[in-house]
Amino acid sequence: MSTMSVRLPESLHEKAREVAKREGVSINQLVTTALAEKLSALLTEEYLEARARRGSRRKFERVLGKVADREPVPGDEL
């Protein structure tokens, strides 16, 4: 595990302190979890963009052509 020093505006630090107390965790744990969530979102976006670049309209239409032509189940209509 490593240590990281971060400068925060006092207002942000106070809000973090309040939320951490309300959630029953340390500020360190709150910041660690928030950073993990943000990284996950950003990395997921990058992953999906990379997958989209590999996409093929021809392959998509070939797979779509295998889907049976029938009415949607109730509640799944447009």
PDB file of N, CA and C in Angstrom:
ATOM      1  N   MET A   1       0.855  -1.171   0.000  1.00  0.00           N
ATOM      2  CA  MET A   1       0.000   0.000   0.000  1.00  0.00           C
ATOM      3  C   MET A   1       0.896   1.227   0.000  1.00  0.00           C
ATOM      4  N   SER A   2       0.464   2.277  -0.680  1.00  0.00           N
ATOM      5  CA  SER A   2       1.257   3.501  -0.743  1.00  0.00           C
ATOM      6  C   SER A   2       0.486   4.664  -0.133  1.00  0.00           C
ATOM      7  N   THR A   3       1.198   5.731   0.116  1.00  0.00           N
ATOM      8  CA  THR A   3       0.625   6.929   0.712  1.00  0.00           C
ATOM      9  C   THR A   3       0.574   8.027  -0.338  1.00  0.00           C
ATOM     10  N   MET A   4      -0.504   8.820  -0.281  1.00  0.00           N
ATOM     11  CA  MET A   4      -0.675   9.912  -1.232  1.00  0.00           C
ATOM     12  C   MET A   4      -1.180  11.127  -0.463  1.00  0.00           C
ATOM     13  N   SER A   5      -0.529  12.244  -0.653  1.00  0.00           N
ATOM     14  CA  SER A   5      -0.952  13.477  -0.007  1.00  0.00           C
ATOM     15  C   SER A   5      -1.750  14.285  -1.029  1.00  0.00           C
ATOM     16  N   VAL A   6      -2.944  14.718  -0.628  1.00  0.00           N
ATOM     17  CA  VAL A   6      -3.822  15.453  -1.543  1.00  0.00           C
ATOM     18  C   VAL A   6      -4.258  16.750  -0.871  1.00  0.00           C
ATOM     19  N   ARG A   7      -4.168  17.841  -1.610  1.00  0.00           N
ATOM     20  CA  ARG A   7      -4.640  19.127  -1.101  1.00  0.00           C
ATOM     21  C   ARG A   7      -6.095  19.303  -1.531  1.00  0.00           C
ATOM     22  N   LEU A   8      -6.949  19.596  -0.550  1.00  0.00           N
ATOM     23  CA  LEU A   8      -8.373  19.783  -0.815  1.00  0.00           C
ATOM     24  C   LEU A   8      -8.820  21.149  -0.317  1.00  0.00           C
ATOM     25  N   PRO A   9      -9.772  21.738  -1.004  1.00  0.00           N
ATOM     26  CA  PRO A   9     -10.385  22.940  -0.432  1.00  0.00           C
ATOM     27  C   PRO A   9     -11.046  22.554   0.898  1.00  0.00           C
ATOM     28  N   GLU A  10     -11.034  23.461   1.838  1.00  0.00           N
ATOM     29  CA  GLU A  10     -11.596  23.179   3.165  1.00  0.00           C
ATOM     30  C   GLU A  10     -13.057  22.730   3.069  1.00  0.00           C
ATOM     31  N   SER A  11     -13.823  23.350   2.174  1.00  0.00           N
ATOM     32  CA  SER A  11     -15.241  22.987   2.045  1.00  0.00           C
ATOM     33  C   SER A  11     -15.404  21.534   1.601  1.00  0.00           C
ATOM     34  N   LEU A  12     -14.571  21.074   0.681  1.00  0.00           N
ATOM     35  CA  LEU A  12     -14.638  19.696   0.214  1.00  0.00           C
ATOM     36  C   LEU A  12     -14.196  18.729   1.311  1.00  0.00           C
ATOM     37  N   HIS A  13     -13.160  19.115   2.036  1.00  0.00           N
ATOM     38  CA  HIS A  13     -12.684  18.282   3.142  1.00  0.00           C
ATOM     39  C   HIS A  13     -13.779  18.138   4.201  1.00  0.00           C
ATOM     40  N   GLU A  14     -14.451  19.212   4.516  1.00  0.00           N
ATOM     41  CA  GLU A  14     -15.525  19.180   5.518  1.00  0.00           C
ATOM     42  C   GLU A  14     -16.670  18.282   5.060  1.00  0.00           C
ATOM     43  N   LYS A  15     -17.060  18.394   3.801  1.00  0.00           N
ATOM     44  CA  LYS A  15     -18.135  17.533   3.280  1.00  0.00           C
ATOM     45  C   LYS A  15     -17.712  16.061   3.327  1.00  0.00           C
ATOM     46  N   ALA A  16     -16.457  15.794   2.972  1.00  0.00           N
ATOM     47  CA  ALA A  16     -15.952  14.417   3.026  1.00  0.00           C
ATOM     48  C   ALA A  16     -15.991  13.900   4.459  1.00  0.00           C
ATOM     49  N   ARG A  17     -15.602  14.743   5.402  1.00  0.00           N
ATOM     50  CA  ARG A  17     -15.629  14.362   6.813  1.00  0.00           C
ATOM     51  C   ARG A  17     -17.059  14.033   7.253  1.00  0.00           C
ATOM     52  N   GLU A  18     -18.026  14.875   6.847  1.00  0.00           N
ATOM     53  CA  GLU A  18     -19.437  14.651   7.204  1.00  0.00           C
ATOM     54  C   GLU A  18     -19.964  13.344   6.612  1.00  0.00           C
ATOM     55  N   VAL A  19     -19.704  13.131   5.335  1.00  0.00           N
ATOM     56  CA  VAL A  19     -20.204  11.922   4.673  1.00  0.00           C
ATOM     57  C   VAL A  19     -19.549  10.671   5.263  1.00  0.00           C
ATOM     58  N   ALA A  20     -18.259  10.729   5.495  1.00  0.00           N
ATOM     59  CA  ALA A  20     -17.553   9.576   6.071  1.00  0.00           C
ATOM     60  C   ALA A  20     -18.141   9.233   7.438  1.00  0.00           C
ATOM     61  N   LYS A  21     -18.386  10.248   8.251  1.00  0.00           N
ATOM     62  CA  LYS A  21     -18.968  10.003   9.571  1.00  0.00           C
ATOM     63  C   LYS A  21     -20.349   9.385   9.445  1.00  0.00           C
ATOM     64  N   ARG A  22     -21.171   9.947   8.551  1.00  0.00           N
ATOM     65  CA  ARG A  22     -22.525   9.427   8.347  1.00  0.00           C
ATOM     66  C   ARG A  22     -22.506   7.981   7.866  1.00  0.00           C
ATOM     67  N   GLU A  23     -21.527   7.649   7.011  1.00  0.00           N
ATOM     68  CA  GLU A  23     -21.424   6.292   6.464  1.00  0.00           C
ATOM     69  C   GLU A  23     -20.676   5.334   7.391  1.00  0.00           C
ATOM     70  N   GLY A  24     -20.089   5.863   8.443  1.00  0.00           N
ATOM     71  CA  GLY A  24     -19.382   5.015   9.399  1.00  0.00           C
ATOM     72  C   GLY A  24     -18.051   4.492   8.879  1.00  0.00           C
ATOM     73  N   VAL A  25     -17.382   5.299   8.036  1.00  0.00           N
ATOM     74  CA  VAL A  25     -16.075   4.914   7.501  1.00  0.00           C
ATOM     75  C   VAL A  25     -15.104   6.063   7.713  1.00  0.00           C
ATOM     76  N   SER A  26     -13.831   5.771   7.543  1.00  0.00           N
ATOM     77  CA  SER A  26     -12.822   6.833   7.645  1.00  0.00           C
ATOM     78  C   SER A  26     -12.839   7.668   6.365  1.00  0.00           C
ATOM     79  N   ILE A  27     -12.289   8.873   6.456  1.00  0.00           N
ATOM     80  CA  ILE A  27     -12.154   9.700   5.254  1.00  0.00           C
ATOM     81  C   ILE A  27     -11.283   8.971   4.242  1.00  0.00           C
ATOM     82  N   ASN A  28     -10.252   8.297   4.705  1.00  0.00           N
ATOM     83  CA  ASN A  28      -9.375   7.541   3.819  1.00  0.00           C
ATOM     84  C   ASN A  28     -10.172   6.497   3.030  1.00  0.00           C
ATOM     85  N   GLN A  29     -11.036   5.766   3.725  1.00  0.00           N
ATOM     86  CA  GLN A  29     -11.840   4.743   3.054  1.00  0.00           C
ATOM     87  C   GLN A  29     -12.832   5.378   2.075  1.00  0.00           C
ATOM     88  N   LEU A  30     -13.414   6.498   2.454  1.00  0.00           N
ATOM     89  CA  LEU A  30     -14.349   7.205   1.573  1.00  0.00           C
ATOM     90  C   LEU A  30     -13.649   7.642   0.290  1.00  0.00           C
ATOM     91  N   VAL A  31     -12.463   8.243   0.429  1.00  0.00           N
ATOM     92  CA  VAL A  31     -11.713   8.718  -0.734  1.00  0.00           C
ATOM     93  C   VAL A  31     -11.256   7.540  -1.588  1.00  0.00           C
ATOM     94  N   THR A  32     -10.800   6.472  -0.971  1.00  0.00           N
ATOM     95  CA  THR A  32     -10.366   5.286  -1.705  1.00  0.00           C
ATOM     96  C   THR A  32     -11.519   4.705  -2.521  1.00  0.00           C
ATOM     97  N   THR A  33     -12.682   4.590  -1.904  1.00  0.00           N
ATOM     98  CA  THR A  33     -13.851   4.053  -2.601  1.00  0.00           C
ATOM     99  C   THR A  33     -14.292   4.984  -3.737  1.00  0.00           C
ATOM    100  N   ALA A  34     -14.289   6.288  -3.480  1.00  0.00           N
ATOM    101  CA  ALA A  34     -14.692   7.250  -4.513  1.00  0.00           C
ATOM    102  C   ALA A  34     -13.741   7.201  -5.702  1.00  0.00           C
ATOM    103  N   LEU A  35     -12.443   7.101  -5.425  1.00  0.00           N
ATOM    104  CA  LEU A  35     -11.462   7.016  -6.506  1.00  0.00           C
ATOM    105  C   LEU A  35     -11.632   5.720  -7.290  1.00  0.00           C
ATOM    106  N   ALA A  36     -11.869   4.621  -6.590  1.00  0.00           N
ATOM    107  CA  ALA A  36     -12.073   3.329  -7.261  1.00  0.00           C
ATOM    108  C   ALA A  36     -13.300   3.382  -8.169  1.00  0.00           C
ATOM    109  N   GLU A  37     -14.379   3.994  -7.696  1.00  0.00           N
ATOM    110  CA  GLU A  37     -15.598   4.117  -8.511  1.00  0.00           C
ATOM    111  C   GLU A  37     -15.343   4.965  -9.751  1.00  0.00           C
ATOM    112  N   LYS A  38     -14.647   6.069  -9.596  1.00  0.00           N
ATOM    113  CA  LYS A  38     -14.358   6.956 -10.730  1.00  0.00           C
ATOM    114  C   LYS A  38     -13.470   6.260 -11.751  1.00  0.00           C
ATOM    115  N   LEU A  39     -12.421   5.593 -11.284  1.00  0.00           N
ATOM    116  CA  LEU A  39     -11.535   4.862 -12.200  1.00  0.00           C
ATOM    117  C   LEU A  39     -12.293   3.767 -12.938  1.00  0.00           C
ATOM    118  N   SER A  40     -13.164   3.076 -12.223  1.00  0.00           N
ATOM    119  CA  SER A  40     -13.958   2.025 -12.847  1.00  0.00           C
ATOM    120  C   SER A  40     -14.819   2.583 -13.978  1.00  0.00           C
ATOM    121  N   ALA A  41     -15.452   3.718 -13.728  1.00  0.00           N
ATOM    122  CA  ALA A  41     -16.292   4.346 -14.756  1.00  0.00           C
ATOM    123  C   ALA A  41     -15.461   4.756 -15.967  1.00  0.00           C
ATOM    124  N   LEU A  42     -14.322   5.392 -15.731  1.00  0.00           N
ATOM    125  CA  LEU A  42     -13.475   5.844 -16.841  1.00  0.00           C
ATOM    126  C   LEU A  42     -12.906   4.676 -17.629  1.00  0.00           C
ATOM    127  N   LEU A  43     -12.455   3.648 -16.930  1.00  0.00           N
ATOM    128  CA  LEU A  43     -11.868   2.488 -17.611  1.00  0.00           C
ATOM    129  C   LEU A  43     -12.932   1.696 -18.370  1.00  0.00           C
ATOM    130  N   THR A  44     -14.142   1.654 -17.832  1.00  0.00           N
ATOM    131  CA  THR A  44     -15.237   0.975 -18.532  1.00  0.00           C
ATOM    132  C   THR A  44     -15.555   1.700 -19.827  1.00  0.00           C
ATOM    133  N   GLU A  45     -15.570   3.021 -19.779  1.00  0.00           N
ATOM    134  CA  GLU A  45     -15.825   3.809 -20.982  1.00  0.00           C
ATOM    135  C   GLU A  45     -14.753   3.538 -22.039  1.00  0.00           C
ATOM    136  N   GLU A  46     -13.496   3.504 -21.612  1.00  0.00           N
ATOM    137  CA  GLU A  46     -12.410   3.209 -22.555  1.00  0.00           C
ATOM    138  C   GLU A  46     -12.553   1.813 -23.142  1.00  0.00           C
ATOM    139  N   TYR A  47     -12.903   0.849 -22.312  1.00  0.00           N
ATOM    140  CA  TYR A  47     -13.081  -0.533 -22.768  1.00  0.00           C
ATOM    141  C   TYR A  47     -14.193  -0.612 -23.817  1.00  0.00           C
ATOM    142  N   LEU A  48     -15.322   0.039 -23.524  1.00  0.00           N
ATOM    143  CA  LEU A  48     -16.448  -0.003 -24.458  1.00  0.00           C
ATOM    144  C   LEU A  48     -16.116   0.713 -25.765  1.00  0.00           C
ATOM    145  N   GLU A  49     -15.385   1.806 -25.695  1.00  0.00           N
ATOM    146  CA  GLU A  49     -14.977   2.505 -26.917  1.00  0.00           C
ATOM    147  C   GLU A  49     -14.067   1.618 -27.766  1.00  0.00           C
ATOM    148  N   ALA A  50     -13.146   0.911 -27.116  1.00  0.00           N
ATOM    149  CA  ALA A  50     -12.258   0.005 -27.851  1.00  0.00           C
ATOM    150  C   ALA A  50     -13.051  -1.122 -28.493  1.00  0.00           C
ATOM    151  N   ARG A  51     -14.014  -1.664 -27.772  1.00  0.00           N
ATOM    152  CA  ARG A  51     -14.856  -2.727 -28.333  1.00  0.00           C
ATOM    153  C   ARG A  51     -15.680  -2.201 -29.506  1.00  0.00           C
ATOM    154  N   ALA A  52     -16.183  -0.990 -29.391  1.00  0.00           N
ATOM    155  CA  ALA A  52     -16.987  -0.406 -30.468  1.00  0.00           C
ATOM    156  C   ALA A  52     -16.157  -0.230 -31.734  1.00  0.00           C
ATOM    157  N   ARG A  53     -14.892   0.153 -31.584  1.00  0.00           N
ATOM    158  CA  ARG A  53     -14.022   0.318 -32.753  1.00  0.00           C
ATOM    159  C   ARG A  53     -13.791  -1.005 -33.470  1.00  0.00           C
ATOM    160  N   ARG A  54     -13.870  -2.105 -32.742  1.00  0.00           N
ATOM    161  CA  ARG A  54     -13.674  -3.425 -33.353  1.00  0.00           C
ATOM    162  C   ARG A  54     -14.956  -3.952 -33.996  1.00  0.00           C
ATOM    163  N   GLY A  55     -16.061  -3.236 -33.809  1.00  0.00           N
ATOM    164  CA  GLY A  55     -17.350  -3.694 -34.299  1.00  0.00           C
ATOM    165  C   GLY A  55     -17.423  -3.765 -35.819  1.00  0.00           C
ATOM    166  N   SER A  56     -18.327  -4.598 -36.286  1.00  0.00           N
ATOM    167  CA  SER A  56     -18.516  -4.768 -37.718  1.00  0.00           C
ATOM    168  C   SER A  56     -20.014  -4.783 -38.022  1.00  0.00           C
ATOM    169  N   ARG A  57     -20.443  -3.884 -38.866  1.00  0.00           N
ATOM    170  CA  ARG A  57     -21.866  -3.831 -39.244  1.00  0.00           C
ATOM    171  C   ARG A  57     -22.297  -5.136 -39.905  1.00  0.00           C
ATOM    172  N   ARG A  58     -21.420  -5.694 -40.745  1.00  0.00           N
ATOM    173  CA  ARG A  58     -21.738  -6.944 -41.435  1.00  0.00           C
ATOM    174  C   ARG A  58     -21.963  -8.081 -40.429  1.00  0.00           C
ATOM    175  N   LYS A  59     -21.093  -8.204 -39.444  1.00  0.00           N
ATOM    176  CA  LYS A  59     -21.245  -9.252 -38.431  1.00  0.00           C
ATOM    177  C   LYS A  59     -22.497  -9.024 -37.585  1.00  0.00           C
ATOM    178  N   PHE A  60     -22.765  -7.757 -37.250  1.00  0.00           N
ATOM    179  CA  PHE A  60     -23.963  -7.419 -36.481  1.00  0.00           C
ATOM    180  C   PHE A  60     -25.215  -7.857 -37.227  1.00  0.00           C
ATOM    181  N   GLU A  61     -25.290  -7.520 -38.508  1.00  0.00           N
ATOM    182  CA  GLU A  61     -26.470  -7.878 -39.298  1.00  0.00           C
ATOM    183  C   GLU A  61     -26.588  -9.386 -39.474  1.00  0.00           C
ATOM    184  N   ARG A  62     -25.462 -10.084 -39.569  1.00  0.00           N
ATOM    185  CA  ARG A  62     -25.502 -11.540 -39.676  1.00  0.00           C
ATOM    186  C   ARG A  62     -26.089 -12.161 -38.401  1.00  0.00           C
ATOM    187  N   VAL A  63     -25.666 -11.678 -37.265  1.00  0.00           N
ATOM    188  CA  VAL A  63     -26.203 -12.188 -35.995  1.00  0.00           C
ATOM    189  C   VAL A  63     -27.662 -11.795 -35.847  1.00  0.00           C
ATOM    190  N   LEU A  64     -27.991 -10.564 -36.177  1.00  0.00           N
ATOM    191  CA  LEU A  64     -29.373 -10.094 -36.071  1.00  0.00           C
ATOM    192  C   LEU A  64     -30.288 -10.916 -36.971  1.00  0.00           C
ATOM    193  N   GLY A  65     -29.764 -11.359 -38.101  1.00  0.00           N
ATOM    194  CA  GLY A  65     -30.562 -12.179 -39.010  1.00  0.00           C
ATOM    195  C   GLY A  65     -30.941 -13.529 -38.429  1.00  0.00           C
ATOM    196  N   LYS A  66     -30.293 -13.966 -37.383  1.00  0.00           N
ATOM    197  CA  LYS A  66     -30.600 -15.248 -36.738  1.00  0.00           C
ATOM    198  C   LYS A  66     -31.745 -15.145 -35.734  1.00  0.00           C
ATOM    199  N   VAL A  67     -32.153 -13.911 -35.410  1.00  0.00           N
ATOM    200  CA  VAL A  67     -33.214 -13.700 -34.428  1.00  0.00           C
ATOM    201  C   VAL A  67     -34.567 -13.982 -35.081  1.00  0.00           C
ATOM    202  N   ALA A  68     -35.368 -14.792 -34.390  1.00  0.00           N
ATOM    203  CA  ALA A  68     -36.697 -15.132 -34.919  1.00  0.00           C
ATOM    204  C   ALA A  68     -37.571 -13.882 -34.995  1.00  0.00           C
ATOM    205  N   ASP A  69     -38.386 -13.800 -36.030  1.00  0.00           N
ATOM    206  CA  ASP A  69     -39.285 -12.677 -36.221  1.00  0.00           C
ATOM    207  C   ASP A  69     -40.612 -12.991 -35.533  1.00  0.00           C
ATOM    208  N   ARG A  70     -40.808 -12.440 -34.340  1.00  0.00           N
ATOM    209  CA  ARG A  70     -42.051 -12.657 -33.606  1.00  0.00           C
ATOM    210  C   ARG A  70     -42.368 -11.460 -32.737  1.00  0.00           C
ATOM    211  N   GLU A  71     -43.560 -11.415 -32.224  1.00  0.00           N
ATOM    212  CA  GLU A  71     -44.017 -10.310 -31.403  1.00  0.00           C
ATOM    213  C   GLU A  71     -43.239 -10.286 -30.075  1.00  0.00           C
ATOM    214  N   PRO A  72     -42.971  -9.091 -29.549  1.00  0.00           N
ATOM    215  CA  PRO A  72     -42.270  -9.015 -28.267  1.00  0.00           C
ATOM    216  C   PRO A  72     -43.164  -9.495 -27.123  1.00  0.00           C
ATOM    217  N   VAL A  73     -42.528  -9.929 -26.045  1.00  0.00           N
ATOM    218  CA  VAL A  73     -43.306 -10.346 -24.881  1.00  0.00           C
ATOM    219  C   VAL A  73     -43.992  -9.121 -24.298  1.00  0.00           C
ATOM    220  N   PRO A  74     -45.147  -9.298 -23.660  1.00  0.00           N
ATOM    221  CA  PRO A  74     -45.860  -8.150 -23.085  1.00  0.00           C
ATOM    222  C   PRO A  74     -44.967  -7.337 -22.160  1.00  0.00           C
ATOM    223  N   GLY A  75     -44.997  -6.027 -22.316  1.00  0.00           N
ATOM    224  CA  GLY A  75     -44.188  -5.126 -21.515  1.00  0.00           C
ATOM    225  C   GLY A  75     -42.845  -4.802 -22.156  1.00  0.00           C
ATOM    226  N   ASP A  76     -42.501  -5.492 -23.262  1.00  0.00           N
ATOM    227  CA  ASP A  76     -41.218  -5.282 -23.916  1.00  0.00           C
ATOM    228  C   ASP A  76     -41.387  -4.582 -25.266  1.00  0.00           C
ATOM    229  N   GLU A  77     -42.579  -4.051 -25.500  1.00  0.00           N
ATOM    230  CA  GLU A  77     -42.838  -3.375 -26.772  1.00  0.00           C
ATOM    231  C   GLU A  77     -42.219  -1.979 -26.757  1.00  0.00           C
ATOM    232  N   LEU A  78     -42.057  -1.408 -27.948  1.00  0.00           N
ATOM    233  CA  LEU A  78     -41.566  -0.034 -28.025  1.00  0.00           C
ATOM    234  C   LEU A  78     -42.663   0.941 -27.710  1.00  0.00           C
TER     235      LEU A  78
END
